[in-house]
Protein backbone atom coordinates (compact mmCIF):
# COMPACT_ATOMS: atom_id res chain seq x y z
CA MET A 1 43.31 121.54 89.38
CA ARG A 2 44.68 119.38 86.62
CA THR A 3 48.20 118.55 85.57
CA ARG A 4 49.04 120.31 82.31
CA THR A 5 52.22 120.23 80.25
CA LEU A 6 54.41 122.87 78.64
CA ARG A 7 56.87 121.62 76.00
CA PHE A 8 59.59 123.70 74.43
CA GLY A 9 62.14 122.59 71.85
CA LEU A 10 65.38 124.46 72.48
CA TYR A 11 68.80 124.66 70.86
CA ALA A 12 70.69 125.50 74.01
CA ASP A 13 73.80 125.00 76.07
CA GLU A 14 73.64 124.71 79.88
CA GLN A 15 73.39 128.49 80.35
CA GLY A 16 70.62 128.83 77.76
CA LEU A 17 68.71 125.93 79.29
CA ALA A 18 69.05 127.46 82.77
CA TRP A 19 67.75 130.77 81.39
CA ALA A 20 64.70 129.07 79.82
CA ARG A 21 64.00 127.20 83.06
CA ARG A 22 64.15 130.47 85.00
CA LEU A 23 61.64 132.04 82.62
CA VAL A 24 59.21 129.18 83.30
CA GLU A 25 59.78 129.35 87.07
CA GLU A 26 59.17 133.12 87.09
CA ALA A 27 56.00 132.78 85.03
CA VAL A 28 54.70 130.05 87.34
CA GLY A 29 55.77 131.79 90.55
CA CYS A 30 53.50 134.79 90.11
CA ARG A 31 50.37 132.68 89.47
CA SER A 32 48.37 130.04 91.28
CA ALA A 33 50.26 127.13 89.77
CA ARG A 34 52.82 124.61 90.88
CA ILE A 35 55.58 122.83 88.97
CA VAL A 36 55.00 119.11 89.50
CA ARG A 37 57.81 117.78 87.30
CA GLU A 38 60.43 119.12 84.94
CA THR A 39 62.49 117.09 82.49
CA VAL A 40 65.01 117.81 79.77
CA GLY A 41 64.93 115.16 77.10
CA HIS A 42 66.79 114.09 74.01
CA THR A 43 63.77 112.29 72.59
CA VAL A 44 60.22 113.43 71.83
CA PHE A 45 56.89 111.76 71.16
CA MET A 46 57.28 109.19 73.93
CA GLY A 47 60.85 108.36 72.94
CA GLU A 48 60.12 107.61 69.30
CA MET A 49 62.12 110.47 67.78
CA THR A 50 65.35 112.19 68.77
CA THR A 51 65.38 115.90 69.51
CA ALA A 52 68.26 116.21 67.04
CA TYR A 53 65.84 115.10 64.31
CA ALA A 54 62.71 116.84 65.60
CA TYR A 55 64.38 120.20 66.18
CA ASP A 56 67.01 120.23 63.44
CA PHE A 57 65.50 123.48 62.14
CA LEU A 58 66.64 125.18 65.36
CA VAL A 59 70.23 124.16 64.58
CA GLU A 60 69.79 125.64 61.10
CA GLN A 61 68.31 128.81 62.61
CA TRP A 62 71.38 129.23 64.83
CA ALA A 63 73.74 128.73 61.87
CA TRP A 64 71.80 131.22 59.75
CA GLU A 65 71.65 133.85 62.50
CA HIS A 66 75.29 133.37 63.57
CA PRO A 67 77.28 132.68 60.37
CA GLY A 68 80.78 131.43 61.04
CA GLU A 69 80.20 131.29 64.83
CA SER A 70 80.70 128.08 66.74
CA SER A 71 77.57 126.69 68.33
CA GLY A 72 79.68 125.58 71.27
CA ALA A 73 77.95 123.09 73.53
CA ARG A 74 74.46 123.82 72.22
CA GLU A 75 72.26 120.87 71.39
CA PRO A 76 68.59 120.33 70.57
CA VAL A 77 66.64 119.37 73.69
CA GLU A 78 63.06 119.37 74.85
CA LEU A 79 62.15 121.11 78.08
CA CYS A 80 58.97 119.54 79.44
CA VAL A 81 57.32 121.11 82.49
CA GLN A 82 54.25 119.62 84.13
CA LEU A 83 52.15 122.12 86.02
CA GLU A 84 49.27 121.78 88.40
CA CYS A 85 46.92 124.61 87.43
CA SER A 86 43.74 125.59 85.67
CA LEU A 87 43.54 125.81 81.89
CA LYS A 88 43.31 129.60 82.10
CA THR A 89 46.46 129.77 84.23
CA TRP A 90 48.30 127.33 81.92
CA ARG A 91 47.48 129.53 78.94
CA ALA A 92 48.69 132.65 80.76
CA ILE A 93 51.95 130.96 81.78
CA ARG A 94 52.53 129.64 78.25
CA LYS A 95 51.91 133.08 76.75
CA THR A 96 54.28 134.72 79.24
CA VAL A 97 57.09 132.23 78.61
CA ILE A 98 56.75 132.59 74.83
CA ARG A 99 56.84 136.38 75.15
CA ASP A 100 59.91 136.21 77.39
CA LEU A 101 61.74 133.74 75.12
CA CYS A 102 61.22 136.17 72.26
CA PRO A 103 60.88 139.65 73.80
CA GLU A 104 61.37 141.45 70.49
CA GLY A 105 58.24 139.94 68.95
CA MET A 106 58.06 139.63 65.19
CA ALA A 107 60.71 142.26 64.43
CA PRO A 108 63.94 140.86 62.92
CA HIS A 109 66.34 139.92 65.71
CA LEU A 110 68.60 137.14 66.95
CA CYS A 111 67.17 134.70 69.46
CA ARG A 112 69.24 134.19 72.59
CA VAL A 113 68.16 130.55 72.44
CA PRO A 114 66.45 129.27 69.29
CA TRP A 115 63.18 127.68 70.41
CA THR A 116 59.82 126.32 69.42
CA VAL A 117 56.73 125.45 71.41
CA THR A 118 54.90 122.17 70.91
């Protein structure tokens, strides 16, 4: 088995981040994979760019979807999870997490936590 990485840009507060982490843990838990390391960062691309810059479109998405609402303690972050698993398992986990982050698919809706996958 190899170490593989999942990266998600999120515009989240502590509760939203905890929810996203739980989604990953649940997707990993039902497969033959193991979380090796998990980090939440404020920089991307090996520290060369801030998440505020890289994921500014998530901030705009929140403002557009929630006009006049305070964003509270939300901030752009990157959730990086290193997994020990096969490529097939990594793909299945990634697909499951993406589906669970956005359970309503392509239909118009509000995201609980604006996100992107990298």
